[in-house]
Amino acid sequence: MSKCPKCNRKLHLYNISQFCPGCGVNLRFYNFRENFLMDAKEAELKLARMNVKLRRMKVAFIGSKLAIFRLIAVLFPILGLLIPSGSLSLNLPFYKETIDLSALGIYNAYSKGDIMYILKMSFSDFAADQFTSLRNILIGYASVALVVVIALLATILCFISYKNMQIVIAGIAVVGIADSIAIAIMINHFTTTVSNSLIVSAEAGFGLYIEAVMFAIVFVANLLLCIKKIPIEYEEGDLERYEILKKVIKGKIKIEELPQPIVETAETRAIEEEIKEKMKNMDTSEEVQTSEEENVLKVEAGIEE
């Protein structure tokens, strides 16, 4: 239920007239000029905020060849997960299976129930140490995949903080390098441990070492972006308007107290000059029309005389 902006009277659904039934004010045009200026100020500030964010997003993604390479480089660790880091073979009565230590191989093993079988056997008394080591390797490989996903999301959201996200992504890449090497060493150690086992056997691969190299490329790309610091060029007045909008949102400035336009630029000055020129031409045409009417009246008066 709305209210009259002047007398604050409650308006019902059956009050379909544009005039208030209480004070008679025109509801459609009441405070039209003030509301129009308020809308114009809000539009000016919000448009500036959108322009600033679009500029930052553009620079973060395609602002330079290095930024474009950063987008491509973050895909390298995803490809690295497809390269096998080894294989695991389970040789049990009525159960024989081989699992490739790659993203696709582990997914297939999960689909067939092999991962759940390893997790259950790690809590049993039968070859518990070997199955526990298998479980730890799988958890470690999953942690590498998680770092890859985090790095990808951080790269997609790099426009949020253009100055700091490169440092964050570089830090994530360092974690990925350390994690990949640690799990690769764990796989090599497990391969040596079960070399004489009849239940579990393993072979080491080079996939995680390549994964570490892929993370290193991501680290270098973001480190170079931190050093180079590509400048962002904003439209005249947009950054100043955006800072004013932040103060308005925090309540430090009231939008009613701001002028219109809020920030003068070459564009707004050109518009003002164009308006003044049109007003001047209108005044001139009115003077000419008035003069012509006076001459017509004088001629008619002379004819009558």
Protein backbone atom coordinates (compact mmCIF):
# COMPACT_ATOMS: atom_id res chain seq x y z
CA MET A 1 0.00 0.00 0.00
CA SER A 2 1.49 3.36 -1.08
CA LYS A 3 1.13 6.78 0.52
CA CYS A 4 0.70 10.30 -0.75
CA PRO A 5 4.14 11.99 -0.87
CA LYS A 6 2.66 15.27 0.37
CA CYS A 7 0.01 14.53 3.01
CA ASN A 8 1.13 10.95 3.76
CA ARG A 9 -2.40 9.62 3.29
CA LYS A 10 -2.70 5.88 2.56
CA LEU A 11 -3.77 5.11 -0.97
CA HIS A 12 -5.92 2.07 -1.72
CA LEU A 13 -6.34 0.00 -4.86
CA TYR A 14 -9.53 1.80 -5.75
CA ASN A 15 -7.75 5.20 -5.74
CA ILE A 16 -7.03 5.05 -9.48
CA SER A 17 -6.97 8.81 -10.04
CA GLN A 18 -3.60 10.53 -10.41
CA PHE A 19 -4.76 13.10 -7.82
CA CYS A 20 -4.59 12.47 -4.08
CA PRO A 21 -8.12 12.14 -2.61
CA GLY A 22 -6.93 13.98 0.50
CA CYS A 23 -4.89 17.01 -0.57
CA GLY A 24 -5.57 16.88 -4.31
CA VAL A 25 -1.89 16.97 -5.31
CA ASN A 26 -0.93 15.44 -8.64
CA LEU A 27 0.76 12.20 -7.59
CA ARG A 28 2.47 11.70 -10.93
CA PHE A 29 4.18 15.07 -11.08
CA TYR A 30 4.68 15.91 -7.40
CA ASN A 31 8.32 16.83 -6.80
CA PHE A 32 9.01 15.87 -10.39
CA ARG A 33 12.10 18.08 -10.73
CA GLU A 34 13.64 16.87 -7.45
CA ASN A 35 12.97 13.23 -8.28
CA PHE A 36 14.36 13.69 -11.77
CA LEU A 37 17.60 15.19 -10.44
CA MET A 38 17.89 12.41 -7.85
CA ASP A 39 17.50 9.76 -10.55
CA ALA A 40 20.04 11.55 -12.73
CA LYS A 41 22.60 11.60 -9.90
CA GLU A 42 22.08 7.92 -9.10
CA ALA A 43 22.39 7.03 -12.78
CA GLU A 44 25.61 9.02 -13.10
CA LEU A 45 27.22 7.29 -10.11
CA LYS A 46 26.05 3.76 -10.95
CA LEU A 47 27.10 4.09 -14.58
CA ALA A 48 30.55 5.17 -13.42
CA ARG A 49 30.77 2.13 -11.11
CA MET A 50 29.88 -0.18 -14.00
CA ASN A 51 32.44 1.50 -16.27
CA VAL A 52 35.19 1.17 -13.66
CA LYS A 53 34.47 -2.52 -13.07
CA LEU A 54 34.31 -3.25 -16.80
CA ARG A 55 37.66 -1.52 -17.33
CA ARG A 56 39.24 -3.51 -14.50
CA MET A 57 37.77 -6.76 -15.84
CA LYS A 58 39.01 -6.01 -19.34
CA VAL A 59 42.55 -5.23 -18.16
CA ALA A 60 42.61 -8.28 -15.87
CA PHE A 61 41.60 -10.64 -18.67
CA ILE A 62 42.83 -9.17 -21.96
CA GLY A 63 44.66 -6.00 -20.95
CA SER A 64 47.97 -7.31 -22.33
CA LYS A 65 49.55 -10.34 -23.96
CA LEU A 66 50.79 -11.40 -20.53
CA ALA A 67 47.25 -11.26 -19.08
CA ILE A 68 45.97 -13.38 -21.97
CA PHE A 69 48.82 -15.85 -21.41
CA ARG A 70 47.85 -16.03 -17.72
CA LEU A 71 44.35 -17.14 -18.75
CA ILE A 72 45.80 -19.83 -20.98
CA ALA A 73 48.43 -20.92 -18.42
CA VAL A 74 45.85 -21.70 -15.74
CA LEU A 75 44.54 -24.45 -18.03
CA PHE A 76 47.91 -26.22 -18.07
CA PRO A 77 47.51 -27.82 -14.59
CA ILE A 78 44.14 -29.21 -15.72
CA LEU A 79 45.86 -30.89 -18.66
CA GLY A 80 48.61 -32.10 -16.31
CA LEU A 81 46.07 -34.05 -14.28
CA LEU A 82 45.29 -36.13 -17.37
CA ILE A 83 48.88 -37.43 -17.55
CA PRO A 84 49.27 -40.66 -15.49
CA SER A 85 51.41 -40.32 -12.37
CA GLY A 86 51.62 -44.08 -11.95
CA SER A 87 49.39 -47.10 -11.61
CA LEU A 88 48.10 -49.24 -8.75
CA SER A 89 47.27 -52.94 -9.05
CA LEU A 90 45.13 -54.86 -6.56
CA ASN A 91 45.53 -58.66 -6.60
CA LEU A 92 43.05 -60.31 -4.26
CA PRO A 93 40.97 -63.48 -4.47
CA PHE A 94 37.95 -62.72 -6.68
CA TYR A 95 39.12 -59.11 -7.04
CA LYS A 96 41.75 -57.81 -9.45
CA GLU A 97 41.88 -54.23 -10.61
CA THR A 98 44.37 -51.67 -11.96
CA ILE A 99 43.95 -47.96 -11.30
CA ASP A 100 45.74 -45.27 -13.30
CA LEU A 101 46.77 -42.32 -11.16
CA SER A 102 45.29 -39.64 -13.39
CA ALA A 103 42.12 -37.59 -13.21
CA LEU A 104 40.36 -39.81 -15.74
CA GLY A 105 41.68 -43.04 -14.19
CA ILE A 106 40.59 -42.11 -10.68
CA TYR A 107 37.17 -41.05 -11.96
CA ASN A 108 36.72 -44.43 -13.64
CA ALA A 109 37.86 -46.20 -10.47
CA TYR A 110 35.34 -44.21 -8.43
CA SER A 111 32.57 -45.07 -10.91
CA LYS A 112 33.35 -48.80 -10.57
CA GLY A 113 33.54 -48.64 -6.77
CA ASP A 114 37.30 -49.28 -6.51
CA ILE A 115 37.92 -46.13 -4.46
CA MET A 116 35.30 -47.09 -1.89
CA TYR A 117 36.80 -50.59 -1.72
CA ILE A 118 40.26 -49.16 -0.93
CA LEU A 119 38.80 -46.88 1.76
CA LYS A 120 37.00 -49.80 3.42
CA MET A 121 40.09 -52.05 3.29
CA SER A 122 42.21 -49.31 4.90
CA PHE A 123 40.13 -49.71 8.07
CA SER A 124 40.31 -53.51 8.07
CA ASP A 125 42.98 -55.79 9.56
CA PHE A 126 43.94 -57.33 6.23
CA ALA A 127 46.97 -55.51 4.71
CA ALA A 128 45.85 -52.37 6.50
CA ASP A 129 49.22 -50.60 6.11
CA GLN A 130 49.28 -51.01 2.35
CA PHE A 131 45.68 -49.94 1.85
CA THR A 132 46.19 -47.01 4.22
CA SER A 133 49.11 -45.85 2.07
CA LEU A 134 46.90 -46.22 -1.00
CA ARG A 135 44.21 -44.13 0.68
CA ASN A 136 46.73 -41.40 1.56
CA ILE A 137 47.99 -41.32 -2.03
CA LEU A 138 44.46 -40.91 -3.36
CA ILE A 139 43.73 -38.17 -0.82
CA GLY A 140 46.96 -36.43 -1.79
CA TYR A 141 46.10 -36.62 -5.49
CA ALA A 142 42.67 -35.20 -4.71
CA SER A 143 44.35 -32.30 -2.88
CA VAL A 144 46.37 -31.51 -6.03
CA ALA A 145 43.14 -31.49 -8.05
CA LEU A 146 41.59 -29.17 -5.45
CA VAL A 147 44.49 -26.72 -5.80
CA VAL A 148 43.96 -26.75 -9.58
CA VAL A 149 40.29 -25.85 -9.12
CA ILE A 150 41.13 -23.06 -6.64
CA ALA A 151 43.72 -21.61 -9.04
CA LEU A 152 41.17 -21.66 -11.87
CA LEU A 153 38.50 -19.92 -9.77
CA ALA A 154 40.99 -17.31 -8.52
CA THR A 155 42.00 -16.56 -12.12
CA ILE A 156 38.37 -16.19 -13.19
CA LEU A 157 37.78 -13.79 -10.27
CA CYS A 158 41.07 -11.90 -10.73
CA PHE A 159 39.20 -8.68 -11.60
CA ILE A 160 37.89 -8.39 -8.01
CA SER A 161 41.24 -7.07 -6.80
CA TYR A 162 43.49 -6.36 -9.75
CA LYS A 163 46.52 -5.54 -7.59
CA ASN A 164 46.29 -8.43 -5.11
CA MET A 165 44.85 -11.40 -7.03
CA GLN A 166 48.10 -11.98 -8.94
CA ILE A 167 49.89 -12.47 -5.60
CA VAL A 168 47.13 -14.81 -4.40
CA ILE A 169 47.26 -16.92 -7.57
CA ALA A 170 51.07 -17.06 -7.43
CA GLY A 171 50.81 -18.30 -3.83
CA ILE A 172 48.29 -20.95 -4.89
CA ALA A 173 50.68 -22.05 -7.64
CA VAL A 174 53.50 -22.47 -5.10
CA VAL A 175 51.21 -24.67 -3.00
CA GLY A 176 50.41 -26.69 -6.14
CA ILE A 177 54.11 -27.17 -6.91
CA ALA A 178 54.91 -28.34 -3.37
CA ASP A 179 51.83 -30.59 -3.24
CA SER A 180 52.57 -32.20 -6.61
CA ILE A 181 56.18 -32.97 -5.72
CA ALA A 182 55.21 -34.29 -2.28
CA ILE A 183 52.62 -36.71 -3.71
CA ALA A 184 55.06 -37.82 -6.44
CA ILE A 185 57.64 -38.66 -3.76
CA MET A 186 54.94 -40.49 -1.79
CA ILE A 187 54.08 -42.59 -4.87
CA ASN A 188 57.75 -43.43 -5.46
CA HIS A 189 58.17 -44.45 -1.82
CA PHE A 190 55.03 -46.59 -1.95
CA THR A 191 56.27 -48.29 -5.13
CA THR A 192 59.47 -49.29 -3.34
CA THR A 193 57.60 -50.44 -0.24
CA VAL A 194 55.23 -52.83 -2.06
CA SER A 195 57.81 -54.14 -4.54
CA ASN A 196 57.66 -57.60 -2.92
CA SER A 197 53.94 -57.60 -2.08
CA LEU A 198 51.58 -60.08 -3.71
CA ILE A 199 48.48 -58.08 -2.78
CA VAL A 200 49.30 -54.58 -3.98
CA SER A 201 51.75 -53.49 -6.62
CA ALA A 202 52.50 -50.05 -8.00
CA GLU A 203 54.43 -48.29 -10.75
CA ALA A 204 55.57 -44.68 -10.58
CA GLY A 205 54.93 -42.23 -13.42
CA PHE A 206 55.99 -38.67 -14.23
CA GLY A 207 52.57 -37.00 -14.36
CA LEU A 208 52.88 -35.11 -11.07
CA TYR A 209 56.32 -33.79 -11.97
CA ILE A 210 54.82 -32.37 -15.15
CA GLU A 211 52.00 -31.01 -12.98
CA ALA A 212 54.60 -29.18 -10.87
CA VAL A 213 56.04 -27.64 -14.05
CA MET A 214 52.55 -26.53 -15.11
CA PHE A 215 52.04 -24.82 -11.75
CA ALA A 216 55.45 -23.19 -12.16
CA ILE A 217 54.28 -21.64 -15.45
CA VAL A 218 51.21 -20.26 -13.67
CA PHE A 219 53.47 -18.87 -10.92
CA VAL A 220 55.79 -17.13 -13.39
CA ALA A 221 52.90 -15.61 -15.37
CA ASN A 222 51.33 -14.08 -12.25
CA LEU A 223 54.70 -12.99 -10.86
CA LEU A 224 55.43 -11.08 -14.06
CA LEU A 225 52.02 -9.42 -13.85
CA CYS A 226 52.83 -8.36 -10.27
CA ILE A 227 56.11 -6.82 -11.42
CA LYS A 228 54.86 -5.20 -14.61
CA LYS A 229 51.64 -3.74 -13.12
CA ILE A 230 49.63 -2.90 -16.23
CA PRO A 231 47.97 0.54 -15.71
CA ILE A 232 44.22 0.94 -16.05
CA GLU A 233 42.96 3.90 -18.07
CA TYR A 234 39.55 5.14 -16.94
CA GLU A 235 37.18 7.53 -18.66
CA GLU A 236 37.40 11.09 -17.37
CA GLY A 237 35.52 11.45 -14.09
CA ASP A 238 34.53 7.76 -13.70
CA LEU A 239 37.00 6.91 -10.96
CA GLU A 240 36.11 10.08 -9.04
CA ARG A 241 32.39 9.29 -9.32
CA TYR A 242 33.04 5.73 -8.14
CA GLU A 243 34.84 6.98 -5.03
CA ILE A 244 31.93 9.36 -4.34
CA LEU A 245 29.47 6.47 -4.69
CA LYS A 246 31.42 4.49 -2.07
CA LYS A 247 31.07 7.41 0.35
CA VAL A 248 27.35 7.70 -0.44
CA ILE A 249 26.84 3.99 0.29
CA LYS A 250 28.74 4.30 3.59
CA GLY A 251 26.61 7.31 4.55
CA LYS A 252 29.50 9.80 4.59
CA ILE A 253 27.87 11.89 1.86
CA LYS A 254 24.20 12.50 1.13
CA ILE A 255 23.29 12.26 -2.51
CA GLU A 256 20.83 15.15 -2.08
CA GLU A 257 23.76 17.47 -1.31
CA LEU A 258 25.66 16.62 -4.49
CA PRO A 259 25.47 18.91 -7.55
CA GLN A 260 24.25 17.81 -10.98
CA PRO A 261 26.35 16.82 -12.80
CA ILE A 262 28.27 15.44 -9.84
CA VAL A 263 31.62 15.59 -11.65
CA GLU A 264 32.17 18.00 -14.53
CA THR A 265 34.01 16.60 -17.52
CA ALA A 266 34.63 17.69 -21.07
CA GLU A 267 31.58 15.68 -22.10
CA THR A 268 29.24 17.33 -19.58
CA ARG A 269 30.60 20.79 -20.44
CA ALA A 270 29.96 20.14 -24.13
CA ILE A 271 26.38 19.11 -23.34
CA GLU A 272 25.86 22.28 -21.26
CA GLU A 273 27.23 24.44 -24.08
CA GLU A 274 24.93 22.71 -26.55
CA ILE A 275 21.92 23.34 -24.30
CA LYS A 276 22.88 27.01 -23.87
CA GLU A 277 23.28 27.39 -27.63
CA LYS A 278 19.85 25.87 -28.26
CA MET A 279 18.27 28.11 -25.62
CA LYS A 280 19.93 31.14 -27.21
CA ASN A 281 18.62 30.19 -30.65
CA MET A 282 15.14 29.72 -29.20
CA ASP A 283 15.26 33.18 -27.64
CA THR A 284 16.47 34.70 -30.91
CA SER A 285 13.69 33.01 -32.90
CA GLU A 286 11.13 34.23 -30.40
CA GLU A 287 12.44 37.80 -30.72
CA VAL A 288 12.29 37.59 -34.53
CA GLN A 289 8.75 36.21 -34.38
CA THR A 290 7.69 38.97 -31.97
CA SER A 291 9.26 41.62 -34.22
CA GLU A 292 7.46 40.22 -37.26
CA GLU A 293 4.15 40.24 -35.40
CA GLU A 294 4.72 43.86 -34.39
CA ASN A 295 5.45 44.83 -38.01
CA VAL A 296 2.28 43.09 -39.17
CA LEU A 297 0.27 44.94 -36.57
CA LYS A 298 1.82 48.24 -37.64
CA VAL A 299 1.01 47.58 -41.30
CA GLU A 300 -2.56 46.65 -40.43
CA ALA A 301 -2.85 49.78 -38.30
CA GLY A 302 -1.55 51.90 -41.21
CA ILE A 303 -4.03 50.36 -43.58
CA GLU A 304 -6.87 51.13 -41.26
CA GLU A 305 -5.69 54.68 -40.93
